[in-house]
Amino acid sequence: MSILWWIIIGGLAGWIASALMGERQGCVMDVVVGVVGALLGGALFSWLGGVGFTGFNFWSLVVAVVGAALFIALLRALRGPKGPVA
C-alpha cells in the first residue's frame, strides 16, 4: 500500500478518533495519530488473533480508529490531568 493511502486512512482515522475522544488537534496531528493508530491497532488485532490492517477498506479504517483512540488514551495517561496549575 502506498504512503498516500496511509496518509488518507490515517487522517480519516485520526479525525474520527479525535472526535470520539473529545480532542482538538490539527490536520497534521490527526494524520500522525491515525497512522500510529493503524500500526498499533493492526498489531493489537493481529496479536489477539484477528485480522489487522489489510489495506484501503472499511475494516482497516475500524482497526485504525480503534488504535488511534487507544493511542490518544495512552497519551492522555502519560500527559496527566489537565487543569490549572496551583
C-alpha atoms as a PDB file:
ATOM      1  CA  MET A   1       0.000   0.000   0.000  1.00  0.00           C
ATOM      2  CA  SER A   2       1.415   3.387  -0.926  1.00  0.00           C
ATOM      3  CA  ILE A   3       2.250   6.122   1.531  1.00  0.00           C
ATOM      4  CA  LEU A   4      -0.592   8.218   0.108  1.00  0.00           C
ATOM      5  CA  TRP A   5      -3.177   5.656   1.236  1.00  0.00           C
ATOM      6  CA  TRP A   6      -1.568   5.521   4.698  1.00  0.00           C
ATOM      7  CA  ILE A   7      -1.916   9.306   4.930  1.00  0.00           C
ATOM      8  CA  ILE A   8      -5.540   9.263   3.747  1.00  0.00           C
ATOM      9  CA  ILE A   9      -6.601   6.412   6.064  1.00  0.00           C
ATOM     10  CA  GLY A  10      -4.512   7.894   8.884  1.00  0.00           C
ATOM     11  CA  GLY A  11      -6.052  11.333   8.514  1.00  0.00           C
ATOM     12  CA  LEU A  12      -9.575   9.966   8.469  1.00  0.00           C
ATOM     13  CA  ALA A  13      -8.961   7.573  11.362  1.00  0.00           C
ATOM     14  CA  GLY A  14      -7.207  10.255  13.415  1.00  0.00           C
ATOM     15  CA  TRP A  15     -10.018  12.723  12.799  1.00  0.00           C
ATOM     16  CA  ILE A  16     -12.700  10.182  13.806  1.00  0.00           C
ATOM     17  CA  ALA A  17     -10.785   9.060  16.899  1.00  0.00           C
ATOM     18  CA  SER A  18     -10.129  12.672  17.930  1.00  0.00           C
ATOM     19  CA  ALA A  19     -13.837  13.450  17.629  1.00  0.00           C
ATOM     20  CA  LEU A  20     -14.783  10.342  19.623  1.00  0.00           C
ATOM     21  CA  MET A  21     -12.234  11.102  22.337  1.00  0.00           C
ATOM     22  CA  GLY A  22     -13.050  14.825  22.533  1.00  0.00           C
ATOM     23  CA  GLU A  23      -9.611  16.018  21.426  1.00  0.00           C
ATOM     24  CA  ARG A  24      -8.968  19.151  19.388  1.00  0.00           C
ATOM     25  CA  GLN A  25      -5.945  18.859  17.147  1.00  0.00           C
ATOM     26  CA  GLY A  26      -4.931  19.933  13.689  1.00  0.00           C
ATOM     27  CA  CYS A  27      -4.832  18.030  10.416  1.00  0.00           C
ATOM     28  CA  VAL A  28      -1.178  17.059  10.734  1.00  0.00           C
ATOM     29  CA  MET A  29      -1.673  15.614  14.216  1.00  0.00           C
ATOM     30  CA  ASP A  30      -4.795  13.765  13.031  1.00  0.00           C
ATOM     31  CA  VAL A  31      -2.699  12.092  10.328  1.00  0.00           C
ATOM     32  CA  VAL A  32       0.094  11.249  12.797  1.00  0.00           C
ATOM     33  CA  VAL A  33      -2.349   9.861  15.370  1.00  0.00           C
ATOM     34  CA  GLY A  34      -4.175   7.906  12.657  1.00  0.00           C
ATOM     35  CA  VAL A  35      -1.050   6.338  11.160  1.00  0.00           C
ATOM     36  CA  VAL A  36       0.311   5.410  14.595  1.00  0.00           C
ATOM     37  CA  GLY A  37      -3.171   4.142  15.443  1.00  0.00           C
ATOM     38  CA  ALA A  38      -3.238   1.988  12.314  1.00  0.00           C
ATOM     39  CA  LEU A  39       0.075   0.425  13.307  1.00  0.00           C
ATOM     40  CA  LEU A  40      -0.994  -0.003  16.930  1.00  0.00           C
ATOM     41  CA  GLY A  41      -4.458  -1.325  16.038  1.00  0.00           C
ATOM     42  CA  GLY A  42      -3.081  -3.692  13.412  1.00  0.00           C
ATOM     43  CA  ALA A  43      -0.564  -5.111  15.864  1.00  0.00           C
ATOM     44  CA  LEU A  44      -3.186  -5.417  18.608  1.00  0.00           C
ATOM     45  CA  PHE A  45      -5.791  -7.109  16.419  1.00  0.00           C
ATOM     46  CA  SER A  46      -3.165  -9.497  15.000  1.00  0.00           C
ATOM     47  CA  TRP A  47      -1.904 -10.282  18.492  1.00  0.00           C
ATOM     48  CA  LEU A  48      -5.468 -11.074  19.603  1.00  0.00           C
ATOM     49  CA  GLY A  49      -5.841 -13.469  16.679  1.00  0.00           C
ATOM     50  CA  GLY A  50      -7.940 -11.258  14.423  1.00  0.00           C
ATOM     51  CA  VAL A  51      -7.271  -9.536  11.145  1.00  0.00           C
ATOM     52  CA  GLY A  52      -5.270  -6.329  11.399  1.00  0.00           C
ATOM     53  CA  PHE A  53      -4.789  -3.524   8.914  1.00  0.00           C
ATOM     54  CA  THR A  54      -5.359  -5.032   5.437  1.00  0.00           C
ATOM     55  CA  GLY A  55      -5.468  -2.091   3.041  1.00  0.00           C
ATOM     56  CA  PHE A  56      -7.925   0.532   1.881  1.00  0.00           C
ATOM     57  CA  ASN A  57     -11.231  -0.867   3.170  1.00  0.00           C
ATOM     58  CA  PHE A  58     -13.781  -0.362   5.942  1.00  0.00           C
ATOM     59  CA  TRP A  59     -12.250  -2.953   8.289  1.00  0.00           C
ATOM     60  CA  SER A  60      -8.853  -1.273   8.125  1.00  0.00           C
ATOM     61  CA  LEU A  61     -10.488   2.057   8.965  1.00  0.00           C
ATOM     62  CA  VAL A  62     -12.145   0.462  12.023  1.00  0.00           C
ATOM     63  CA  VAL A  63      -8.818  -1.040  13.130  1.00  0.00           C
ATOM     64  CA  ALA A  64      -7.074   2.319  12.642  1.00  0.00           C
ATOM     65  CA  VAL A  65      -9.766   4.222  14.589  1.00  0.00           C
ATOM     66  CA  VAL A  66      -9.562   1.747  17.497  1.00  0.00           C
ATOM     67  CA  GLY A  67      -5.778   2.013  17.507  1.00  0.00           C
ATOM     68  CA  ALA A  68      -5.882   5.807  17.286  1.00  0.00           C
ATOM     69  CA  ALA A  69      -8.349   6.013  20.179  1.00  0.00           C
ATOM     70  CA  LEU A  70      -6.063   3.771  22.241  1.00  0.00           C
ATOM     71  CA  PHE A  71      -3.089   5.953  21.295  1.00  0.00           C
ATOM     72  CA  ILE A  72      -4.958   9.111  22.381  1.00  0.00           C
ATOM     73  CA  ALA A  73      -5.890   7.419  25.686  1.00  0.00           C
ATOM     74  CA  LEU A  74      -2.253   6.418  26.198  1.00  0.00           C
ATOM     75  CA  LEU A  75      -1.097   9.978  25.510  1.00  0.00           C
ATOM     76  CA  ARG A  76      -3.663  11.305  27.990  1.00  0.00           C
ATOM     77  CA  ALA A  77      -2.433   8.877  30.653  1.00  0.00           C
ATOM     78  CA  LEU A  78       1.180   9.925  30.088  1.00  0.00           C
ATOM     79  CA  ARG A  79       0.317  13.623  29.960  1.00  0.00           C
ATOM     80  CA  GLY A  80      -1.619  13.588  33.224  1.00  0.00           C
ATOM     81  CA  PRO A  81      -4.710  15.554  34.136  1.00  0.00           C
ATOM     82  CA  LYS A  82      -5.309  18.903  32.508  1.00  0.00           C
ATOM     83  CA  GLY A  83      -6.250  21.817  34.617  1.00  0.00           C
ATOM     84  CA  PRO A  84      -4.942  24.934  36.287  1.00  0.00           C
ATOM     85  CA  VAL A  85      -1.554  24.649  37.875  1.00  0.00           C
ATOM     86  CA  ALA A  86      -1.704  25.583  41.565  1.00  0.00           C
END
